[in-house]
Protein backbone atom coordinates (compact mmCIF):
# COMPACT_ATOMS: atom_id res chain seq x y z
CA GLN A 1 61.51 45.59 84.48
CA ASP A 2 62.43 47.84 87.87
CA TYR A 3 61.21 46.02 90.85
CA TYR A 4 59.64 42.87 91.99
CA THR A 5 56.48 42.14 94.16
CA VAL A 6 55.56 39.47 96.24
CA HIS A 7 52.02 38.49 97.49
CA GLY A 8 49.97 36.82 100.18
CA GLU A 9 51.48 35.01 102.53
CA ASN A 10 54.64 34.97 100.93
CA ALA A 11 54.66 38.80 101.18
CA THR A 12 54.33 38.33 104.62
CA PHE A 13 57.87 35.92 104.90
CA ILE A 14 59.76 38.60 102.95
CA ALA A 15 58.53 41.03 104.83
CA ARG A 16 58.87 39.56 108.51
CA THR A 17 62.45 37.64 107.15
CA TYR A 18 64.05 40.10 105.22
CA TYR A 19 62.41 43.68 105.95
CA HIS A 20 62.20 42.58 109.68
CA THR A 21 58.62 44.56 109.55
CA THR A 22 55.71 44.25 108.52
CA THR A 23 55.23 47.91 107.87
CA ALA A 24 56.72 46.97 104.66
CA LEU A 25 53.21 45.59 103.44
CA ARG A 26 50.36 47.21 101.71
CA GLN A 27 47.13 45.79 101.10
CA LEU A 28 45.65 45.34 97.76
CA SER A 29 42.04 45.81 97.70
CA SER A 30 40.04 45.38 100.58
CA GLY A 31 37.65 43.19 102.42
CA SER A 32 37.47 39.31 101.51
CA GLU A 33 39.14 39.79 98.34
CA GLY A 34 41.97 41.56 99.76
CA ILE A 35 45.65 40.44 99.45
CA SER A 36 49.17 41.72 101.03
CA SER A 37 51.81 42.92 99.00
CA VAL A 38 55.20 44.14 99.11
CA SER A 39 57.74 45.71 96.72
CA VAL A 40 61.24 44.25 96.22
CA SER A 41 64.00 46.11 94.20
CA LYS A 42 66.27 44.59 91.97
CA ASN A 43 69.23 44.59 95.29
CA MET A 44 67.04 43.22 97.57
CA PHE A 45 65.77 40.20 95.01
CA GLU A 46 69.32 39.59 94.22
CA ALA A 47 69.94 39.24 97.92
CA ILE A 48 66.84 37.15 98.59
CA ALA A 49 66.92 34.73 95.39
CA ARG A 50 70.61 34.04 97.24
CA ASP A 51 69.11 33.60 100.13
CA LEU A 52 66.68 31.00 99.63
CA LEU A 53 68.10 29.13 97.18
CA LEU A 54 72.03 28.92 98.39
CA GLU A 55 71.51 29.05 102.09
CA ARG A 56 67.80 27.97 103.29
CA THR A 57 66.23 24.74 102.05
CA ASP A 58 62.56 25.31 102.57
CA HIS A 59 61.26 27.34 99.56
CA THR A 60 61.05 27.23 96.07
CA LEU A 61 61.16 30.58 93.59
CA GLU A 62 59.32 31.05 90.80
CA LEU A 63 59.42 34.11 89.00
CA TYR A 64 56.51 35.51 86.96
CA GLU A 65 56.15 38.37 84.44
CA GLY A 66 53.85 40.36 82.47
CA SER A 67 50.99 42.77 83.43
CA GLY A 68 47.46 43.46 84.38
CA SER A 69 45.80 39.80 84.93
CA ASN A 70 48.04 38.34 82.35
CA TRP A 71 50.88 37.11 83.94
CA ASN A 72 53.57 34.26 82.83
CA LEU A 73 55.92 31.54 84.84
CA THR A 74 58.98 32.33 83.30
CA LYS A 75 61.69 30.86 85.76
CA THR A 76 61.71 28.14 88.48
CA GLY A 77 64.21 27.34 91.05
CA THR A 78 64.70 25.09 93.87
CA PRO A 79 67.53 24.71 96.03
CA GLY A 80 68.70 21.50 93.82
CA ASN A 81 68.42 23.23 90.72
CA VAL A 82 69.36 26.88 90.49
CA GLY A 83 69.87 26.83 86.88
CA SER A 84 67.29 29.32 85.71
CA PHE A 85 68.88 31.82 88.80
CA GLU A 86 72.33 31.53 88.25
CA ASP A 87 72.94 34.59 86.00
CA ILE A 88 71.48 36.51 89.23
CA LEU A 89 73.12 33.98 91.91
CA PHE A 90 76.46 34.07 90.49
CA ALA A 91 77.13 37.28 88.67
CA ASN A 92 79.91 38.39 91.16
CA ASN A 93 80.92 35.49 93.06
CA ASP A 94 82.35 32.22 92.00
CA MET A 95 79.92 29.17 92.20
CA GLN A 96 81.43 27.21 95.20
CA ASP A 97 79.13 24.39 95.26
CA SER A 98 77.58 21.81 92.72
CA PRO A 99 73.57 21.93 94.52
CA VAL A 100 72.44 17.84 93.91
CA THR A 101 68.93 16.50 93.62
CA VAL A 102 68.18 13.05 94.76
CA ALA A 103 64.85 10.64 94.33
CA LEU A 104 64.63 8.26 97.06
CA PHE A 105 62.27 5.11 96.62
CA PRO A 106 62.61 3.01 100.23
CA VAL A 107 61.05 -0.70 100.39
CA PHE A 108 60.27 -2.36 103.70
CA ARG A 109 60.64 -6.23 103.07
CA GLU A 110 61.25 -8.98 105.76
CA ASN A 111 62.26 -6.43 108.75
CA GLN A 112 65.15 -5.09 105.99
CA CYS A 113 64.77 -1.48 104.44
CA THR A 114 66.14 -1.73 100.66
CA VAL A 115 66.81 2.30 99.62
CA GLY A 116 66.78 2.86 95.29
CA LEU A 117 68.75 6.26 95.13
CA GLY A 118 68.86 8.14 91.65
CA PHE A 119 71.10 11.44 91.82
CA VAL A 120 71.19 14.03 89.38
CA ASP A 121 74.19 17.36 89.01
CA MET A 122 72.65 19.89 86.66
CA THR A 123 76.16 22.21 86.94
CA LYS A 124 78.32 18.79 85.83
CA ARG A 125 75.83 17.22 83.90
CA LYS A 126 76.05 14.01 85.70
CA LEU A 127 73.77 11.63 86.86
CA GLY A 128 73.72 8.58 89.42
CA THR A 129 72.05 5.91 90.66
CA VAL A 130 72.56 3.11 93.89
CA GLU A 131 70.57 0.90 95.78
CA PHE A 132 71.49 -0.44 98.97
CA LEU A 133 70.25 -1.60 102.22
CA ASP A 134 70.19 0.52 105.35
CA ASP A 135 69.09 0.48 108.81
CA SER A 136 65.68 1.76 111.09
CA GLN A 137 67.77 4.97 111.24
CA PHE A 138 68.62 5.39 107.42
CA THR A 139 72.39 5.76 108.28
CA ASN A 140 73.63 4.97 105.36
CA THR A 141 71.01 7.31 102.95
CA GLU A 142 72.22 10.31 105.56
CA SER A 143 76.09 9.44 104.48
CA VAL A 144 74.89 9.46 100.72
CA LEU A 145 73.35 12.96 100.87
CA VAL A 146 76.30 14.49 103.17
CA ALA A 147 78.92 12.79 100.33
CA LEU A 148 76.54 14.23 96.70
CA GLY A 149 76.04 18.04 98.78
CA CYS A 150 72.21 17.01 98.70
CA LYS A 151 70.20 20.20 98.75
CA GLU A 152 66.71 18.73 97.27
CA CYS A 153 65.31 15.19 98.05
CA LEU A 154 62.27 14.03 95.83
CA LEU A 155 60.18 11.03 97.79
CA PRO A 156 56.59 9.27 96.34
CA VAL A 157 53.81 11.32 98.61
CA GLU A 158 52.88 8.03 100.59
CA CYS A 159 55.85 8.21 102.29
CA GLY A 160 54.63 10.93 104.51
CA ARG A 161 52.05 8.60 105.61
CA SER A 162 54.63 5.77 106.93
CA THR A 163 55.44 6.14 110.53
CA GLU A 164 58.48 3.51 109.36
CA LEU A 165 59.77 6.80 107.30
CA LYS A 166 59.95 9.27 110.56
CA ALA A 167 63.75 8.65 110.51
CA LEU A 168 64.54 9.47 107.15
CA TYR A 169 62.70 12.59 107.60
CA ASN A 170 64.38 13.69 110.47
CA SER A 171 67.56 12.69 108.44
CA LEU A 172 66.50 15.35 105.66
CA SER A 173 65.92 17.96 108.38
CA ARG A 174 69.73 17.09 109.91
CA CYS A 175 71.13 17.44 106.47
CA ASN A 176 69.39 20.90 105.84
CA VAL A 177 67.47 19.24 102.54
CA LEU A 178 64.71 20.77 100.93
CA LEU A 179 61.57 17.55 100.45
CA THR A 180 59.95 17.69 97.37
CA GLU A 181 56.92 14.85 97.03
CA ARG A 182 55.69 13.83 94.31
CA LYS A 183 53.51 11.34 93.10
CA LYS A 184 54.15 7.25 93.65
CA SER A 185 53.33 6.95 89.60
CA GLU A 186 56.25 8.72 88.50
CA PHE A 187 58.74 6.37 90.45
CA LYS A 188 58.25 3.24 88.54
CA SER A 189 61.29 2.01 86.85
CA ARG A 190 59.74 -0.37 84.23
CA ASP A 191 61.70 -0.23 80.41
CA LEU A 192 64.29 2.26 82.16
CA VAL A 193 67.33 -0.41 82.53
CA GLN A 194 67.80 0.14 79.10
CA ASP A 195 67.89 3.62 79.40
CA LEU A 196 70.17 4.34 82.33
CA GLY A 197 72.63 1.62 81.00
CA ARG A 198 72.99 4.67 77.68
CA ILE A 199 73.08 7.30 80.17
CA ILE A 200 75.14 6.40 83.23
CA ARG A 201 78.38 5.74 83.32
CA GLY A 202 79.20 3.32 86.15
CA LYS A 203 77.02 3.76 89.44
CA TYR A 204 77.73 5.28 93.20
CA ASN A 205 79.59 3.22 95.50
CA LEU A 206 78.96 3.75 99.36
CA ASP A 207 82.02 1.88 99.83
CA ASN A 208 84.60 4.45 97.87
CA TYR A 209 84.40 7.15 100.58
CA MET A 210 84.42 7.79 104.65
CA ARG A 211 81.14 7.51 105.59
CA LEU A 212 79.89 10.64 107.09
CA ASP A 213 76.92 12.07 108.92
CA SER A 214 75.44 15.68 108.75
CA ALA A 215 76.58 16.18 112.94
CA ALA A 216 79.98 14.82 112.02
CA VAL A 217 80.32 17.74 109.29
CA ARG A 218 79.29 20.03 111.53
CA ALA A 219 81.08 19.14 114.50
CA LEU A 220 84.23 19.02 112.95
CA ASN A 221 83.75 22.40 110.89
CA VAL A 222 84.41 20.67 107.77
CA LEU A 223 82.22 23.42 105.60
CA GLU A 224 81.82 26.95 105.67
CA SER A 225 79.15 28.60 107.79
CA LYS A 226 77.63 31.97 107.62
CA THR A 227 78.64 31.99 111.85
CA ASP A 228 82.57 31.35 111.09
CA LEU A 229 84.49 34.09 112.64
CA ASN A 230 86.67 34.26 109.71
CA LYS A 231 87.67 31.87 106.87
CA ASN A 232 89.89 29.79 108.43
CA PHE A 233 87.07 28.76 111.35
CA SER A 234 86.21 26.01 108.41
CA LEU A 235 88.44 23.32 106.91
CA PHE A 236 87.02 24.50 103.42
CA GLY A 237 88.35 27.71 104.44
CA LEU A 238 91.55 26.90 105.69
CA MET A 239 92.11 24.65 102.40
CA ASN A 240 90.92 26.56 99.81
CA ARG A 241 93.50 28.40 97.93
CA THR A 242 92.16 27.74 94.64
CA CYS A 243 92.44 30.15 91.64
CA THR A 244 90.49 29.27 89.45
CA ALA A 245 86.83 30.60 88.57
CA GLY A 246 84.93 28.33 90.99
CA MET A 247 86.13 24.82 89.45
CA GLY A 248 88.57 24.07 91.90
CA LYS A 249 86.15 25.58 94.69
CA ARG A 250 83.28 23.12 93.92
CA LEU A 251 86.02 20.22 93.78
CA LEU A 252 87.44 20.94 97.01
CA ASN A 253 83.79 20.88 98.36
CA ARG A 254 82.68 17.43 97.06
CA TRP A 255 86.23 16.14 98.23
CA LEU A 256 85.74 17.28 101.65
CA LYS A 257 82.04 15.90 101.50
CA GLN A 258 83.96 12.15 100.20
CA PRO A 259 87.28 11.65 102.06
CA LEU A 260 88.96 8.62 100.05
CA LEU A 261 89.60 5.10 101.14
CA ASP A 262 91.40 3.66 98.79
CA VAL A 263 95.29 3.40 100.12
CA HIS A 264 96.38 3.48 96.68
CA GLU A 265 94.56 6.70 95.44
CA ILE A 266 95.36 8.53 98.54
CA ILE A 267 98.83 7.71 98.09
CA CYS A 268 98.77 9.05 94.63
CA ARG A 269 97.18 11.91 95.61
CA LEU A 270 100.16 12.27 97.89
CA ASP A 271 102.23 12.01 95.42
CA LEU A 272 101.03 14.88 93.09
CA VAL A 273 101.14 17.00 96.49
CA GLN A 274 104.51 16.21 96.95
CA ALA A 275 105.77 17.20 93.44
CA PHE A 276 103.96 20.44 93.61
CA VAL A 277 105.49 21.47 97.31
CA GLU A 278 108.92 20.36 96.73
CA ASP A 279 109.19 22.27 93.02
CA ALA A 280 108.22 26.15 93.73
CA GLU A 281 108.85 26.88 89.91
CA LEU A 282 106.11 24.28 88.37
CA ARG A 283 103.53 25.28 91.52
CA GLN A 284 103.66 29.02 90.66
CA GLY A 285 104.12 28.54 86.91
CA LEU A 286 100.95 26.52 87.28
CA ARG A 287 99.14 28.93 89.20
CA GLN A 288 100.07 32.13 87.17
CA HIS A 289 98.12 30.45 84.06
CA LEU A 290 95.36 29.03 86.04
CA LYS A 291 93.98 32.48 87.38
CA ARG A 292 93.48 33.16 84.02
CA ILE A 293 90.99 30.32 83.60
CA SER A 294 87.19 31.12 83.75
CA ASP A 295 84.55 28.79 85.05
CA ILE A 296 84.67 26.11 82.25
CA GLU A 297 81.81 23.64 83.65
CA ARG A 298 79.30 26.51 84.03
CA LEU A 299 80.23 27.99 80.53
CA THR A 300 79.86 24.68 78.84
CA HIS A 301 76.14 24.49 80.85
CA ALA A 302 75.55 28.26 79.46
CA LEU A 303 75.76 27.19 75.85
CA LYS A 304 72.87 24.60 76.20
CA LYS A 305 70.78 27.44 77.17
CA LYS A 306 68.33 28.96 74.52
CA THR A 307 69.57 32.62 75.55
CA ALA A 308 73.21 31.58 74.88
CA ASN A 309 75.31 34.29 73.21
CA LEU A 310 79.16 34.24 71.88
CA ALA A 311 79.96 35.46 75.43
CA PRO A 312 80.34 32.01 76.92
CA VAL A 313 81.92 31.22 73.52
CA ILE A 314 84.83 33.76 73.82
CA LYS A 315 85.33 32.96 77.23
CA LEU A 316 85.91 29.20 76.41
CA TYR A 317 88.00 30.04 73.48
CA GLN A 318 90.03 32.45 75.98
CA SER A 319 90.70 29.92 78.33
CA SER A 320 91.28 27.21 75.70
CA ILE A 321 93.74 29.27 74.08
CA ARG A 322 95.76 29.00 77.69
CA LEU A 323 96.04 24.99 77.82
CA PRO A 324 99.37 24.87 75.65
CA TYR A 325 100.75 27.22 78.48
CA ILE A 326 99.72 24.90 81.26
CA ARG A 327 100.90 21.85 79.47
CA ASP A 328 104.00 23.03 78.85
CA VAL A 329 104.74 23.34 82.58
CA LEU A 330 103.80 20.09 83.30
CA GLU A 331 106.25 18.75 80.53
CA ASN A 332 108.99 20.61 81.72
CA TYR A 333 108.86 19.28 85.15
CA GLU A 334 111.44 16.42 85.49
CA GLY A 335 111.58 15.52 89.08
CA GLN A 336 110.87 12.30 90.91
CA PHE A 337 106.81 12.29 90.27
CA SER A 338 107.36 13.18 86.21
CA SER A 339 106.09 9.89 84.90
CA LEU A 340 102.78 10.29 87.18
CA ILE A 341 102.14 13.68 86.33
CA ARG A 342 102.58 12.97 82.42
CA LYS A 343 100.03 9.87 82.88
CA LYS A 344 97.64 11.94 84.45
CA TYR A 345 97.58 15.49 83.02
CA SER A 346 100.01 15.74 80.21
CA GLU A 347 99.08 13.14 78.18
CA PRO A 348 95.19 13.58 78.64
CA LEU A 349 95.61 17.30 77.91
CA ASN A 350 97.45 16.58 74.57
CA PHE A 351 94.84 13.69 73.85
CA TRP A 352 91.65 16.90 74.22
CA MET A 353 94.01 19.94 72.72
CA ASP A 354 94.59 17.75 68.98
CA GLU A 355 93.31 18.63 65.72
CA GLU A 356 89.76 16.84 66.17
CA ARG A 357 88.94 18.54 69.55
CA LEU A 358 90.05 21.44 71.29
CA ASN A 359 91.94 22.99 67.90
CA LYS A 360 89.06 22.31 65.96
CA PHE A 361 87.04 24.47 68.58
CA ILE A 362 89.73 27.02 68.61
CA ALA A 363 89.92 27.59 65.02
CA LEU A 364 86.06 27.84 64.47
CA VAL A 365 86.38 30.75 66.85
CA GLU A 366 89.04 32.42 65.32
CA VAL A 367 87.77 31.90 61.80
CA SER A 368 83.77 33.28 62.87
CA VAL A 369 84.74 36.24 65.68
CA ASP A 370 85.68 39.31 64.82
CA LEU A 371 88.64 38.67 67.54
CA ASP A 372 89.97 42.65 66.87
CA GLN A 373 86.82 43.52 68.46
CA LEU A 374 87.51 42.33 71.95
CA GLU A 375 89.81 44.95 73.14
CA ASN A 376 86.80 47.14 72.89
CA GLY A 377 84.34 44.58 74.87
CA GLU A 378 82.02 43.95 72.02
CA TYR A 379 81.22 39.84 70.68
CA MET A 380 80.70 39.84 67.17
CA ILE A 381 80.96 37.51 64.36
CA SER A 382 83.72 38.50 61.51
CA PRO A 383 81.73 40.13 58.91
CA GLY A 384 84.06 37.38 56.46
CA TYR A 385 82.52 34.27 57.86
CA ASP A 386 79.20 34.80 55.73
CA PRO A 387 78.94 36.54 52.20
CA ASN A 388 75.53 38.30 53.17
CA LEU A 389 77.23 39.66 56.69
CA ALA A 390 80.19 40.89 54.58
CA ALA A 391 78.25 42.91 51.85
CA LEU A 392 75.99 44.62 54.83
CA LYS A 393 79.47 45.38 56.61
CA ASN A 394 80.63 47.12 53.26
CA GLU A 395 77.59 49.26 53.23
CA LEU A 396 77.84 49.99 57.07
CA THR A 397 81.24 51.07 56.18
CA ALA A 398 80.62 53.41 53.02
CA ILE A 399 77.91 54.83 55.35
CA GLU A 400 80.34 55.47 58.08
CA GLN A 401 82.89 57.01 55.71
CA GLN A 402 79.98 59.18 54.20
CA ILE A 403 78.83 60.63 57.64
CA ASN A 404 82.85 60.87 58.23
CA ASP A 405 83.22 63.24 55.36
CA LEU A 406 80.14 65.03 56.64
CA HIS A 407 81.55 65.44 59.87
CA LYS A 408 84.93 67.48 58.20
CA LYS A 409 82.39 69.20 55.97
CA ALA A 410 80.37 70.76 58.43
CA ALA A 411 83.87 71.46 60.90
CA ASN A 412 84.74 73.73 57.65
CA ASP A 413 81.43 75.11 57.13
CA LEU A 414 81.06 76.22 60.89
CA ASP A 415 85.14 76.73 61.12
CA LEU A 416 85.60 74.50 63.87
CA SER A 417 88.23 72.43 64.80
CA LEU A 418 87.55 68.38 63.89
CA ASP A 419 86.81 66.13 67.04
CA LYS A 420 88.17 68.64 69.35
CA ALA A 421 85.39 71.48 69.00
CA LEU A 422 83.17 69.79 66.81
CA LYS A 423 82.37 66.39 67.78
CA LEU A 424 80.19 63.39 66.17
CA GLU A 425 78.23 61.23 68.50
CA LYS A 426 76.04 58.50 68.02
CA GLY A 427 73.52 57.56 70.51
CA THR A 428 70.21 55.82 70.94
CA GLN A 429 67.83 58.66 71.63
CA PHE A 430 69.56 61.41 68.34
CA GLY A 431 71.01 58.62 66.69
CA HIS A 432 74.38 60.60 64.90
CA ALA A 433 74.23 64.20 65.66
CA PHE A 434 77.13 66.81 65.84
CA ARG A 435 77.71 68.32 69.56
CA ILE A 436 79.34 71.72 70.67
CA THR A 437 79.79 73.54 73.72
CA LYS A 438 77.81 76.53 74.78
CA LYS A 439 80.67 78.45 74.38
CA GLU A 440 81.17 77.39 70.51
CA GLU A 441 77.71 77.66 70.19
CA GLN A 442 77.83 81.52 70.36
CA LYS A 443 80.49 81.53 67.75
CA VAL A 444 78.38 80.23 65.32
CA ARG A 445 74.38 81.00 66.33
CA LYS A 446 73.99 82.46 63.10
CA LYS A 447 74.42 79.26 60.32
CA LEU A 448 73.39 76.82 63.39
CA THR A 449 69.90 78.61 63.31
CA ASN A 450 69.80 78.55 59.30
CA HIS A 451 71.18 75.59 58.28
CA TYR A 452 70.96 73.16 60.92
CA ILE A 453 68.53 71.71 63.59
CA VAL A 454 68.90 71.73 66.56
CA LEU A 455 68.01 68.49 68.71
CA GLU A 456 69.13 69.46 72.60
CA THR A 457 70.43 72.06 74.48
CA ARG A 458 72.11 71.49 78.30
CA LYS A 459 74.67 72.00 80.41
CA ASP A 460 77.43 70.39 78.32
CA GLY A 461 76.50 71.56 75.24
CA ILE A 462 74.26 71.49 72.17
CA LYS A 463 73.70 68.72 69.54
CA PHE A 464 72.31 69.40 66.33
CA THR A 465 71.75 67.86 62.92
CA ASN A 466 71.06 68.44 59.12
CA SER A 467 68.57 67.01 56.71
CA LYS A 468 71.97 65.21 55.09
CA LEU A 469 73.40 63.62 58.52
CA LYS A 470 69.78 62.76 59.51
CA LYS A 471 69.14 60.50 56.25
CA LEU A 472 72.81 59.13 56.62
CA GLY A 473 71.90 58.26 60.03
CA ASP A 474 68.56 56.52 59.27
CA GLN A 475 70.15 54.86 56.50
CA TYR A 476 72.84 53.48 58.90
CA GLN A 477 70.52 52.52 61.54
CA LYS A 478 68.27 50.71 58.67
CA LEU A 479 71.50 48.64 57.81
CA LEU A 480 72.57 47.86 61.46
CA SER A 481 69.32 46.20 62.09
CA ASP A 482 70.09 44.32 59.59
CA TYR A 483 73.31 43.42 60.03
CA THR A 484 72.34 42.65 63.67
CA SER A 485 69.63 40.35 62.67
CA CYS A 486 71.92 37.84 59.98
CA GLN A 487 74.58 38.33 62.65
CA LYS A 488 71.91 36.88 65.68
CA GLY A 489 71.21 33.38 63.12
CA ILE A 490 75.02 32.96 62.73
CA VAL A 491 75.46 33.37 66.66
CA ALA A 492 72.74 30.72 66.94
CA ARG A 493 74.79 28.30 64.65
CA VAL A 494 78.10 28.81 65.85
CA VAL A 495 76.82 28.43 69.86
CA ASP A 496 75.27 25.26 68.38
CA THR A 497 78.27 24.11 67.19
CA SER A 498 80.81 25.12 70.48
CA ALA A 499 78.07 23.00 72.14
CA THR A 500 79.32 19.90 70.46
CA PHE A 501 82.46 20.15 71.86
CA SER A 502 80.92 19.70 75.27
CA GLU A 503 82.65 16.53 76.19
CA VAL A 504 85.94 18.08 74.91
CA PHE A 505 85.29 21.00 77.75
CA GLU A 506 84.22 18.60 80.56
CA ALA A 507 87.26 16.36 80.34
CA VAL A 508 89.70 19.80 80.77
CA ALA A 509 87.39 21.09 83.54
CA ALA A 510 88.44 18.07 85.35
CA ILE A 511 91.88 18.09 84.59
CA LEU A 512 92.05 21.60 85.37
CA ALA A 513 89.91 21.51 88.77
CA GLU A 514 92.11 18.64 90.29
CA ILE A 515 95.05 20.48 89.63
CA ASP A 516 94.10 23.62 91.43
CA VAL A 517 93.11 21.61 94.32
CA LEU A 518 95.85 19.60 94.62
CA LEU A 519 98.15 22.92 94.25
CA SER A 520 95.99 24.55 96.79
CA PHE A 521 97.00 21.36 99.32
CA ALA A 522 100.44 22.38 98.23
CA ASP A 523 100.34 26.18 98.91
CA LEU A 524 98.72 25.53 102.38
CA ALA A 525 101.65 23.00 103.28
CA THR A 526 104.09 24.92 102.50
CA SER A 527 102.89 28.58 103.61
CA CYS A 528 101.50 27.68 107.15
CA PRO A 529 104.18 28.66 110.18
CA ILE A 530 105.28 25.33 111.04
CA PRO A 531 105.23 23.48 107.41
CA TYR A 532 103.32 20.44 107.19
CA VAL A 533 104.02 16.69 106.85
CA ARG A 534 103.71 13.88 104.17
CA PRO A 535 101.85 10.81 106.53
CA ASP A 536 102.94 7.27 106.12
CA ILE A 537 99.32 5.52 104.66
CA THR A 538 98.74 1.84 105.67
CA PRO A 539 95.60 0.14 104.48
CA SER A 540 92.58 0.22 107.11
CA ASP A 541 93.21 -3.60 108.33
CA GLN A 542 96.68 -2.78 109.05
CA GLY A 543 99.21 -0.48 111.00
CA ASP A 544 98.57 1.63 114.09
CA ILE A 545 97.58 5.49 114.82
CA ILE A 546 100.82 7.53 115.33
CA LEU A 547 100.56 11.05 115.60
CA GLU A 548 103.75 12.91 116.70
CA GLY A 549 103.65 17.01 117.49
CA SER A 550 100.07 17.04 115.82
CA ARG A 551 98.41 20.52 115.56
CA HIS A 552 94.63 21.62 115.03
CA PRO A 553 95.04 22.96 111.62
CA CYS A 554 91.95 25.16 111.83
CA VAL A 555 92.48 26.55 115.80
CA GLU A 556 96.34 26.64 115.12
CA ALA A 557 95.63 29.62 112.59
CA GLN A 558 93.20 31.84 114.61
CA ASP A 559 94.89 35.22 115.48
CA GLY A 560 96.67 34.98 118.81
CA VAL A 561 96.91 31.59 119.02
CA ASN A 562 99.94 29.66 120.21
CA PHE A 563 99.01 26.37 119.50
CA ILE A 564 100.80 23.41 121.88
CA PRO A 565 101.00 20.34 119.81
CA ASN A 566 100.09 16.91 121.03
CA ASP A 567 101.24 12.94 120.39
CA CYS A 568 98.80 10.31 120.06
CA LYS A 569 99.20 6.70 119.76
CA LEU A 570 96.31 4.10 119.03
CA VAL A 571 97.90 0.99 118.76
CA ARG A 572 96.23 -1.92 117.23
CA GLY A 573 94.75 -4.35 120.49
CA LYS A 574 96.32 -2.61 122.46
CA SER A 575 95.13 1.07 123.22
CA TRP A 576 92.47 1.51 120.57
CA PHE A 577 90.01 2.74 123.72
CA GLN A 578 91.32 5.65 125.33
CA ILE A 579 89.97 7.95 128.09
CA ILE A 580 90.80 11.50 128.32
CA THR A 581 90.36 13.77 131.30
CA GLY A 582 90.99 17.02 132.04
CA PRO A 583 89.45 20.66 133.75
CA ASN A 584 87.30 22.42 131.77
CA MET A 585 88.02 24.38 129.03
CA GLY A 586 91.48 22.19 129.21
CA GLY A 587 91.49 21.34 125.38
CA LYS A 588 89.97 17.92 125.63
CA SER A 589 87.19 18.44 122.80
CA THR A 590 89.91 20.21 120.58
CA PHE A 591 92.13 17.02 121.02
CA ILE A 592 89.76 14.91 119.92
CA ARG A 593 88.69 16.76 117.36
CA GLN A 594 92.18 17.69 116.17
CA LEU A 595 92.62 13.78 115.82
CA LYS A 596 89.82 13.27 114.14
CA ILE A 597 90.50 16.38 111.66
CA THR A 598 94.21 14.90 111.22
CA SER A 599 92.75 11.40 109.95
CA TYR A 600 90.33 13.48 107.74
CA MET A 601 93.05 15.49 105.77
CA THR A 602 94.77 12.65 105.47
CA ASP A 603 92.10 10.54 103.44
CA LEU A 604 92.21 13.83 101.61
CA HIS A 605 95.90 14.27 100.76
CA GLN A 606 98.91 14.96 102.74
CA VAL A 607 98.41 17.04 106.06
CA VAL A 608 98.95 15.91 109.79
C-alpha cells in the first residue's frame, strides 16, 4: 500500500541502476538462505516502471500483492504490452506511442528465408499478419519492425540454436526490441486461416511505405531521444504541434515510421494541409475544439477493463458532445478543397454521429448519469434511472433534511449562528458531527458538557455530537452503503453498454487524430521564420529531385543558427550520383541529411 520491495538479483539491479549505490540494499535472513532486498517508494516505483516499460526493452515487470507467505501476481507488463500499468505510466503525461508486439516464424527452404509475422497493437486493438521473403541480413524484417514501432518480439525458442538467425537477433538488438522466446508448438497455424479471416481486416503490405532501418531512423533524428538537447532536435519534436490528448501524437509517431510511397495518397495529404494553411479561421477553429477532446482511444480501451467505472464514460460523453462543433467548422469551409474535406471528414463524422451510433450513446449517458454532479467532481448514476436507486435517494434526502433540521435546533440551543459559528461536517472518522472554534467553546462549555458528546479537541476547533445526530448519522451511512451497492451494479451495466459503442469511438478517434496531425503540419508550415512551400510530386519512376533554397528543418530551428539555404539537382540519368567535398565541420553531413529529411517530410505532407 505504501511502498514496494524488490528481491534477489532484481534488488541489486534496481539499487545499481536507479539508486546508483548498493548501500540501499538490505539482507533478509543470513547464510545460504539470505536474500537481498530493496524498498521502493511509490514515486520511485512509478519512475522505474516508466523507464523499464517505455525506455528500456530488456526487462518485464511483475507486481505481487499480499503479506507473509501469501503473495499473488496482480499485474504483468512488458514493453509490448503495458496495459496493466497504463494508469501509472500515463497518469501525468500523454501516451505518445502505441507499443506493438510481433511474433516471427522464419523458415529456410532452398537458400531462401520466408518470414511469417503477426502483430498486435493493444492500444488500438488491432491485429495484422504478413508473409515475405527476406535476405540473410533480415533487411525486410528490420524495416517492418521499424515501421510498426515494435517493442517486443516472440520467437520459437529453437531459433536461438540456429546460426542462420544470428543476423535476426542482431537486428532485434539494433531496433531495441525485447526478445521473448516461446515453445515452437505455440506457433502452429493449423485451423487458423478461417479465424484470421474473421478478425483481421486486410494484411500488412511492405510496399505501402518507405522501408527504413534502425540506422536511418537514428541518423536522421526522426524520433525523440532522451539525449536530445531540445524538442526541435528530432523531427517528431519539431513537427509535434498536436493538441488532442495523445491520439495525434501517436498517429504522428506512426506516420514518421511509415512514410508514404503512393503519389495519390501523398497529394491527398498535401491538399488537406494546403486547405488548413490557406484558411486560418478553419485551422484555428478546429484546434480550439480539438484541445477539449480526451484520449478517446485509451478511454475506449479502459471500458473493457474489469475495474472500469463511470470516469471513461463521462469523458467519452464530454468529447462526443464537442463533435458537432468540429463538424460545423469543417462544413463552413468553402475553399478550393471543400469537396475533399467533406468526403474525408464531414460525411464520415455525420455517419458516426447519427441516432443509432454516437447520439444513442449520448442519450444513454444523459438519462443514466447525474450530470449536475459533474461540477462537484462526482461521477454518479442519476437517481431517476433506476426505481430502487430512486427510493434509496429519497430516503437519503429525508435523513439529510432531518440532520439539517437538527443542525438548526442545535444552533438555537447553543445560541450560535448557523454555519458561521456552528458548522456541520461529514467525515470518514466520525461521520456527521458539529464543529466550533475554541473561542466559541468557552461560551457554550456548560451546555456542551451536559447535553453533547465531545469527539475531538484540536487547535482548529472542537468536534462534538449528540445521541440524535449520531443515530441519524448511522442511518445515513447505512442508506449510503445500500445506495453505493445498488449504484455499483448499475454502473457496471452502463459501462458494459457504453463498451458496445467501441467501433464508433475508434472510428471517430481515427478521424480526429488525422485532422490533428494535419493541422500540426499546417501550423509548422506557417509559423516557422521562413514558411515552408508545397512540393510538386511525381511517381518514383518519373521526374527529378530539384531543391532550391532548401534548409534542414531541425538545424534551422536551433537557437543562434543562421542557416544558409542550399540547392540540389539530382537529374535522372545525368547526375544521380554526386560527390560532396569540403573541410571538416563544413556541413557535408548536414547537407546529405538535409536532402533525406526533405524527401522524408515530402512523403509525409508538404515541406521542403
